Amino acid sequence: MAANAEYIYVGGYTGDKGGTAEGIALLRRDPTSGALTRLGVAARTPSPSFLAQHPTLPVLYAVNELESDGTISAFTVADDGELTPLSIQPTGGSDPAHLSVTADGRFLLVANYSSGSVAVHPLDPEGAQGERSDLLDLAGSGPDAERQEGPHAHMVLPDRDCVLIADLGADRVWRARLDPVSGRLDMLAPAVVAKPGTGPRHLRIAPHDTMVLVGELAANLSWYHPAADGSLELAGEVPSSTQDGPTYPSEIVMGPDGRFVYVANRGPNTVSAFSWDGERATPIAEISTAGDWPRHMILLGNHLYVANERSHSVTTFRIDPDSGVPEPQGEPIAQASPTCLLRWTSMAVR
């Protein structure tokens, strides 16, 4: 991998989940122009719908979003981007949809969506995951009888000394403490108790400990400020899209300077841009993704990349650094059933 090369790994749905992906695909990114080039399939593995990188080792992790017995797979990353299987472990739940690695590289956390649980796997010095050290079962439900009949962990995010868990089914962002010795999770008071029917999906932590959250069921962007008791209180909300018809927001990203927030909207198939002043989000633009069902996106420098799951494409936008508005750049590139984009930079230049 050249010193200035940038790669993007693409997770996707394979045939077992109704998709056409073959596994984890690899794209090369021109760091100057932002243009993408498809390099092929880096690893064949079932429905690697979400990807994560070890903080210090050349190891990539993927959930295998399987309905009955979910698993997580680890791969070592070669200089040319090739992936070599390292280890695989069951998550103890169904449909794992998200995973992340703690900042110290000692634990891998996995959100099992359908079974509503969070698995913890210790990592060895090579980055291989061991057997689970804990499986935390969530509890609760919401007013949407079809989507909120029980807990549905949709995101798990280490945040300093705690772990945050977005639970679409229970309208909560749970907070737990991870024991650094035992690898077990101790549940604390919820960080957020969202309005009934919100369906928390993904979140970001803004400056001053403000949480910005997308509600998949309420189709909104909301933000929460710290309260005196350590929880987060709702400070405001706006619709994630102004278009007619059903909207199911998926991913949220924030620019590195914290001035702009972007939300991908399935249904209207748009990206909404919001200015952010630390207190509120103000809509500034909504742009078509030139594809169908934008499942995920990443922001790299002044370029935003959107994975359109159902139209089998990845769209590139250039962000105006002053206005924050995304503008399409070139035509979308073909990519089978993409559900996640993960930037990979050579460890030598990180």
Protein backbone atom coordinates (compact mmCIF):
# COMPACT_ATOMS: atom_id res chain seq x y z
CA MET A 1 0.00 0.00 0.00
CA ALA A 2 1.61 3.23 -1.12
CA ALA A 3 2.31 5.78 1.58
CA ASN A 4 -0.29 8.20 0.21
CA ALA A 5 -2.80 5.59 -0.95
CA GLU A 6 -6.30 5.57 0.48
CA TYR A 7 -8.65 2.64 0.31
CA ILE A 8 -12.32 2.20 1.13
CA TYR A 9 -13.67 -1.20 2.07
CA VAL A 10 -17.32 -1.82 1.27
CA GLY A 11 -19.53 -4.12 3.29
CA GLY A 12 -22.69 -5.47 1.75
CA TYR A 13 -25.48 -7.99 1.72
CA THR A 14 -24.82 -11.34 0.08
CA GLY A 15 -27.41 -13.81 -1.18
CA ASP A 16 -28.41 -15.02 2.29
CA LYS A 17 -29.89 -11.55 2.98
CA GLY A 18 -31.27 -11.02 -0.51
CA GLY A 19 -28.27 -9.04 -1.78
CA THR A 20 -25.83 -9.55 -4.64
CA ALA A 21 -22.53 -8.69 -2.96
CA GLU A 22 -19.82 -11.36 -2.88
CA GLY A 23 -18.29 -10.22 0.40
CA ILE A 24 -16.09 -7.24 1.30
CA ALA A 25 -15.18 -5.15 -1.74
CA LEU A 26 -12.21 -2.80 -2.09
CA LEU A 27 -12.14 0.67 -3.66
CA ARG A 28 -9.15 2.95 -4.19
CA ARG A 29 -9.63 6.64 -3.46
CA ASP A 30 -7.66 9.45 -5.04
CA PRO A 31 -6.98 11.69 -2.01
CA THR A 32 -6.77 14.80 -4.20
CA SER A 33 -9.74 14.46 -6.54
CA GLY A 34 -11.81 12.14 -4.36
CA ALA A 35 -12.44 9.82 -7.33
CA LEU A 36 -13.07 6.14 -6.62
CA THR A 37 -11.82 3.09 -8.52
CA ARG A 38 -13.23 -0.37 -7.90
CA LEU A 39 -10.50 -2.97 -7.30
CA GLY A 40 -12.63 -6.07 -6.74
CA VAL A 41 -13.55 -8.41 -3.90
CA ALA A 42 -11.09 -8.38 -0.99
CA ALA A 43 -12.68 -11.21 1.01
CA ARG A 44 -15.64 -13.53 0.58
CA THR A 45 -17.74 -13.71 3.73
CA PRO A 46 -21.53 -13.81 4.29
CA SER A 47 -23.34 -10.46 4.57
CA PRO A 48 -20.57 -8.31 6.05
CA SER A 49 -23.01 -5.44 6.58
CA PHE A 50 -20.86 -3.32 8.91
CA LEU A 51 -17.08 -2.91 9.18
CA ALA A 52 -14.63 -1.52 11.72
CA GLN A 53 -10.86 -1.08 12.03
CA HIS A 54 -8.53 -1.88 14.91
CA PRO A 55 -7.06 1.38 16.29
CA THR A 56 -3.41 0.30 16.05
CA LEU A 57 -3.20 -3.03 14.17
CA PRO A 58 -3.79 -3.80 10.46
CA VAL A 59 -6.95 -5.75 11.29
CA LEU A 60 -10.44 -5.27 9.88
CA TYR A 61 -13.61 -6.58 11.54
CA ALA A 62 -16.94 -7.37 9.93
CA VAL A 63 -20.29 -8.43 11.30
CA ASN A 64 -21.88 -11.33 9.47
CA GLU A 65 -25.52 -10.27 9.67
CA LEU A 66 -27.09 -13.71 9.84
CA GLU A 67 -30.60 -14.21 11.15
CA SER A 68 -30.09 -17.34 13.24
CA ASP A 69 -26.47 -17.34 14.38
CA GLY A 70 -24.68 -14.04 13.87
CA THR A 71 -20.91 -14.01 13.71
CA ILE A 72 -18.03 -11.55 13.55
CA SER A 73 -15.04 -12.10 11.27
CA ALA A 74 -11.57 -10.59 11.58
CA PHE A 75 -9.10 -10.15 8.71
CA THR A 76 -5.49 -9.04 8.54
CA VAL A 77 -4.90 -6.32 5.96
CA ALA A 78 -1.97 -6.55 3.56
CA ASP A 79 -0.18 -3.59 2.01
CA ASP A 80 -2.12 -4.07 -1.24
CA GLY A 81 -5.45 -4.16 0.59
CA GLU A 82 -5.89 -7.94 0.41
CA LEU A 83 -7.72 -9.44 3.37
CA THR A 84 -6.63 -12.69 5.03
CA PRO A 85 -9.01 -14.42 7.47
CA LEU A 86 -7.76 -14.17 11.06
CA SER A 87 -10.60 -15.39 13.29
CA ILE A 88 -14.35 -15.80 13.54
CA GLN A 89 -16.64 -15.96 16.56
CA PRO A 90 -20.40 -16.22 17.17
CA THR A 91 -21.97 -13.09 18.63
CA GLY A 92 -24.56 -14.94 20.69
CA GLY A 93 -27.39 -13.14 18.91
CA SER A 94 -29.18 -12.65 15.62
CA ASP A 95 -28.61 -10.08 12.88
CA PRO A 96 -25.54 -8.27 14.27
CA ALA A 97 -25.75 -4.82 12.66
CA HIS A 98 -22.92 -2.75 14.14
CA LEU A 99 -19.56 -3.18 15.83
CA SER A 100 -16.76 -1.04 17.21
CA VAL A 101 -13.40 -1.42 18.93
CA THR A 102 -12.47 0.26 22.19
CA ALA A 103 -9.79 2.94 21.94
CA ASP A 104 -7.23 0.76 23.72
CA GLY A 105 -7.77 -2.06 21.22
CA ARG A 106 -8.63 -4.58 23.92
CA PHE A 107 -12.31 -5.25 23.24
CA LEU A 108 -14.67 -5.62 20.31
CA LEU A 109 -18.31 -4.63 20.91
CA VAL A 110 -21.16 -5.94 18.75
CA ALA A 111 -24.82 -4.86 18.54
CA ASN A 112 -27.16 -7.79 17.82
CA TYR A 113 -30.14 -6.08 16.24
CA SER A 114 -32.92 -8.67 16.13
CA SER A 115 -32.16 -10.31 19.48
CA GLY A 116 -31.56 -6.97 21.24
CA SER A 117 -28.22 -7.65 22.88
CA VAL A 118 -24.62 -6.45 22.98
CA ALA A 119 -21.69 -8.87 22.87
CA VAL A 120 -18.19 -8.17 24.18
CA HIS A 121 -15.18 -10.02 22.77
CA PRO A 122 -11.66 -9.60 24.15
CA LEU A 123 -8.95 -9.10 21.53
CA ASP A 124 -5.54 -10.76 21.70
CA PRO A 125 -2.23 -9.00 20.82
CA GLU A 126 -2.72 -9.91 17.13
CA GLY A 127 -6.23 -8.47 17.08
CA ALA A 128 -8.06 -11.81 16.95
CA GLN A 129 -11.29 -11.90 18.91
CA GLY A 130 -11.75 -14.47 21.65
CA GLU A 131 -14.88 -16.03 23.06
CA ARG A 132 -17.44 -13.61 24.47
CA SER A 133 -16.68 -12.14 27.87
CA ASP A 134 -20.25 -10.85 28.14
CA LEU A 135 -23.62 -10.77 26.42
CA LEU A 136 -25.83 -7.95 27.69
CA ASP A 137 -29.53 -8.46 26.99
CA LEU A 138 -31.54 -5.26 26.62
CA ALA A 139 -35.20 -4.86 27.56
CA GLY A 140 -38.07 -2.65 26.54
CA SER A 141 -40.44 -1.90 23.68
CA GLY A 142 -42.11 1.01 21.92
CA PRO A 143 -45.43 2.04 20.36
CA ASP A 144 -44.64 0.72 16.86
CA ALA A 145 -46.00 -2.83 17.16
CA GLU A 146 -44.14 -4.04 14.08
CA ARG A 147 -40.71 -2.48 14.65
CA GLN A 148 -40.64 -2.02 18.45
CA GLU A 149 -42.02 -5.26 19.84
CA GLY A 150 -38.78 -5.64 21.79
CA PRO A 151 -35.27 -4.20 22.08
CA HIS A 152 -33.21 -3.78 18.90
CA ALA A 153 -29.59 -2.74 19.41
CA HIS A 154 -28.63 -0.78 16.30
CA MET A 155 -25.33 0.84 17.32
CA VAL A 156 -22.73 0.35 20.04
CA LEU A 157 -20.17 3.10 20.60
CA PRO A 158 -17.39 3.37 23.19
CA ASP A 159 -17.41 6.88 24.68
CA ARG A 160 -14.59 7.48 27.16
CA ASP A 161 -15.37 5.39 30.26
CA CYS A 162 -18.80 4.24 29.03
CA VAL A 163 -20.44 2.38 26.18
CA LEU A 164 -23.45 3.90 24.40
CA ILE A 165 -26.07 1.63 22.84
CA ALA A 166 -28.73 2.98 20.44
CA ASP A 167 -31.83 0.82 20.92
CA LEU A 168 -34.38 1.29 18.14
CA GLY A 169 -36.92 -0.96 19.84
CA ALA A 170 -36.95 0.57 23.33
CA ASP A 171 -36.49 4.26 22.37
CA ARG A 172 -33.39 4.45 24.53
CA VAL A 173 -29.72 5.19 24.24
CA TRP A 174 -28.42 2.93 26.95
CA ARG A 175 -25.22 3.57 28.85
CA ALA A 176 -23.03 0.82 30.32
CA ARG A 177 -19.64 0.62 31.97
CA LEU A 178 -17.13 -1.83 30.52
CA ASP A 179 -14.93 -3.49 33.14
CA PRO A 180 -11.37 -3.41 31.73
CA VAL A 181 -10.40 -6.61 33.54
CA SER A 182 -13.41 -8.91 33.20
CA GLY A 183 -14.75 -7.49 29.93
CA ARG A 184 -18.25 -7.38 31.37
CA LEU A 185 -20.81 -4.61 30.96
CA ASP A 186 -22.62 -3.04 33.92
CA MET A 187 -25.79 -1.20 32.94
CA LEU A 188 -26.10 2.38 34.14
CA ALA A 189 -28.99 4.83 33.91
CA PRO A 190 -29.97 5.50 30.27
CA ALA A 191 -28.13 8.34 28.57
CA VAL A 192 -31.26 9.23 26.58
CA VAL A 193 -34.93 8.40 27.01
CA ALA A 194 -36.25 9.39 23.59
CA LYS A 195 -39.82 10.28 22.71
CA PRO A 196 -41.94 7.15 22.15
CA GLY A 197 -41.69 5.99 18.55
CA THR A 198 -38.35 7.71 17.85
CA GLY A 199 -36.46 4.52 16.98
CA PRO A 200 -32.86 5.58 17.76
CA ARG A 201 -30.58 4.26 15.05
CA HIS A 202 -27.18 6.00 14.89
CA LEU A 203 -25.63 8.83 16.87
CA ARG A 204 -22.64 11.12 17.05
CA ILE A 205 -21.08 12.98 19.96
CA ALA A 206 -20.67 16.68 19.20
CA PRO A 207 -18.47 19.12 21.15
CA HIS A 208 -19.44 19.83 24.76
CA ASP A 209 -20.89 16.32 25.18
CA THR A 210 -23.94 17.05 23.04
CA MET A 211 -25.43 13.96 21.39
CA VAL A 212 -26.86 14.17 17.87
CA LEU A 213 -29.22 11.31 17.03
CA VAL A 214 -31.20 10.06 14.04
CA GLY A 215 -34.59 8.48 14.74
CA GLU A 216 -35.34 5.90 12.07
CA LEU A 217 -39.04 5.64 12.93
CA ALA A 218 -39.74 9.30 13.70
CA ALA A 219 -37.68 10.35 10.66
CA ASN A 220 -35.96 13.10 12.60
CA LEU A 221 -32.67 14.53 13.72
CA SER A 222 -32.60 15.35 17.42
CA TRP A 223 -29.98 16.63 19.83
CA TYR A 224 -29.49 16.30 23.55
CA HIS A 225 -27.54 18.42 26.04
CA PRO A 226 -26.08 17.21 29.36
CA ALA A 227 -28.43 17.42 32.35
CA ALA A 228 -27.51 17.85 36.01
CA ASP A 229 -28.10 14.16 36.81
CA GLY A 230 -25.64 12.99 34.13
CA SER A 231 -28.29 12.09 31.58
CA LEU A 232 -28.96 13.94 28.33
CA GLU A 233 -32.07 16.06 27.82
CA LEU A 234 -33.80 16.71 24.51
CA ALA A 235 -32.83 20.20 23.34
CA GLY A 236 -34.33 20.20 19.85
CA GLU A 237 -35.37 18.22 16.80
CA VAL A 238 -36.07 18.71 13.10
CA PRO A 239 -37.37 16.41 10.33
CA SER A 240 -34.55 14.60 8.58
CA SER A 241 -36.18 15.27 5.20
CA THR A 242 -38.64 17.77 3.75
CA GLN A 243 -39.76 15.41 0.96
CA ASP A 244 -43.21 13.78 0.82
CA GLY A 245 -43.66 10.12 1.62
CA PRO A 246 -42.13 7.70 4.12
CA THR A 247 -38.60 8.49 5.28
CA TYR A 248 -36.20 6.17 7.11
CA PRO A 249 -32.99 8.00 7.99
CA SER A 250 -29.97 5.73 8.24
CA GLU A 251 -26.58 7.30 8.89
CA ILE A 252 -25.42 10.57 10.42
CA VAL A 253 -22.00 12.18 10.00
CA MET A 254 -20.52 15.42 11.28
CA GLY A 255 -17.78 17.48 9.67
CA PRO A 256 -14.42 17.60 11.46
CA ASP A 257 -14.90 21.25 12.45
CA GLY A 258 -18.38 20.53 13.82
CA ARG A 259 -20.11 23.14 11.63
CA PHE A 260 -22.23 20.79 9.53
CA VAL A 261 -24.23 17.60 10.02
CA TYR A 262 -25.37 15.24 7.25
CA VAL A 263 -28.16 12.64 7.34
CA ALA A 264 -28.87 9.96 4.73
CA ASN A 265 -32.59 9.43 4.05
CA ARG A 266 -33.92 6.17 2.68
CA GLY A 267 -37.27 6.59 0.94
CA PRO A 268 -36.74 10.04 -0.58
CA ASN A 269 -33.16 8.89 -1.32
CA THR A 270 -31.52 12.11 -0.28
CA VAL A 271 -28.77 13.54 1.88
CA SER A 272 -29.88 16.39 4.13
CA ALA A 273 -27.31 18.96 5.20
CA PHE A 274 -27.68 20.97 8.41
CA SER A 275 -25.61 23.76 9.85
CA TRP A 276 -24.69 23.19 13.50
CA ASP A 277 -23.86 26.00 15.91
CA GLY A 278 -23.51 23.90 19.02
CA GLU A 279 -27.08 24.57 20.10
CA ARG A 280 -29.27 23.65 17.16
CA ALA A 281 -29.31 22.11 13.69
CA THR A 282 -30.67 24.27 10.86
CA PRO A 283 -31.54 22.71 7.47
CA ILE A 284 -29.54 24.19 4.59
CA ALA A 285 -29.93 21.72 1.71
CA GLU A 286 -31.34 18.35 0.64
CA ILE A 287 -29.76 16.63 -2.35
CA SER A 288 -30.62 13.46 -4.27
CA THR A 289 -28.15 10.58 -3.84
CA ALA A 290 -28.70 9.56 -7.49
CA GLY A 291 -29.44 6.09 -6.15
CA ASP A 292 -31.89 4.02 -4.15
CA TRP A 293 -31.88 3.38 -0.38
CA PRO A 294 -28.81 5.25 0.96
CA ARG A 295 -27.80 2.90 3.77
CA HIS A 296 -24.49 4.41 4.92
CA MET A 297 -22.05 7.21 4.20
CA ILE A 298 -18.64 8.52 5.22
CA LEU A 299 -17.07 11.97 5.10
CA LEU A 300 -13.42 12.16 4.03
CA GLY A 301 -11.99 15.64 3.80
CA ASN A 302 -14.25 17.61 1.47
CA HIS A 303 -15.85 14.50 -0.03
CA LEU A 304 -18.95 12.63 1.09
CA TYR A 305 -19.48 9.05 -0.11
CA VAL A 306 -22.93 7.46 0.02
CA ALA A 307 -23.69 3.72 -0.29
CA ASN A 308 -26.97 3.20 -2.18
CA GLU A 309 -27.95 -0.34 -1.22
CA ARG A 310 -30.78 -1.06 -3.64
CA SER A 311 -29.38 0.65 -6.72
CA HIS A 312 -26.00 -1.05 -6.19
CA SER A 313 -23.92 2.11 -6.33
CA VAL A 314 -21.72 4.54 -4.41
CA THR A 315 -22.20 8.26 -5.02
CA THR A 316 -19.46 10.87 -4.51
CA PHE A 317 -20.23 14.42 -3.38
CA ARG A 318 -17.89 17.34 -2.94
CA ILE A 319 -18.66 19.48 0.10
CA ASP A 320 -18.38 23.23 -0.31
CA PRO A 321 -16.15 24.13 2.67
CA ASP A 322 -17.89 27.47 3.23
CA SER A 323 -21.58 26.65 2.75
CA GLY A 324 -21.37 22.95 3.72
CA VAL A 325 -23.61 22.01 0.79
CA PRO A 326 -22.81 18.70 -1.00
CA GLU A 327 -22.57 18.78 -4.79
CA PRO A 328 -22.55 15.57 -6.89
CA GLN A 329 -19.17 14.75 -8.41
CA GLY A 330 -19.22 12.51 -11.47
CA GLU A 331 -21.46 9.48 -11.89
CA PRO A 332 -22.06 6.90 -9.14
CA ILE A 333 -19.84 3.85 -9.42
CA ALA A 334 -21.30 0.34 -9.54
CA GLN A 335 -21.07 -1.65 -6.31
CA ALA A 336 -23.24 -4.64 -5.41
CA SER A 337 -25.64 -4.18 -2.44
CA PRO A 338 -23.42 -1.78 -0.42
CA THR A 339 -24.35 -1.29 3.24
CA CYS A 340 -21.18 0.16 4.82
CA LEU A 341 -18.11 2.17 3.80
CA LEU A 342 -14.88 2.07 5.80
CA ARG A 343 -11.88 4.23 5.05
CA TRP A 344 -8.52 2.49 5.37
CA THR A 345 -5.24 4.38 5.40
CA SER A 346 -1.80 2.77 5.53
CA MET A 347 -0.82 2.24 9.17
CA ALA A 348 2.52 3.90 8.38
CA VAL A 349 0.86 7.27 7.76
CA ARG A 350 -1.89 7.21 10.37
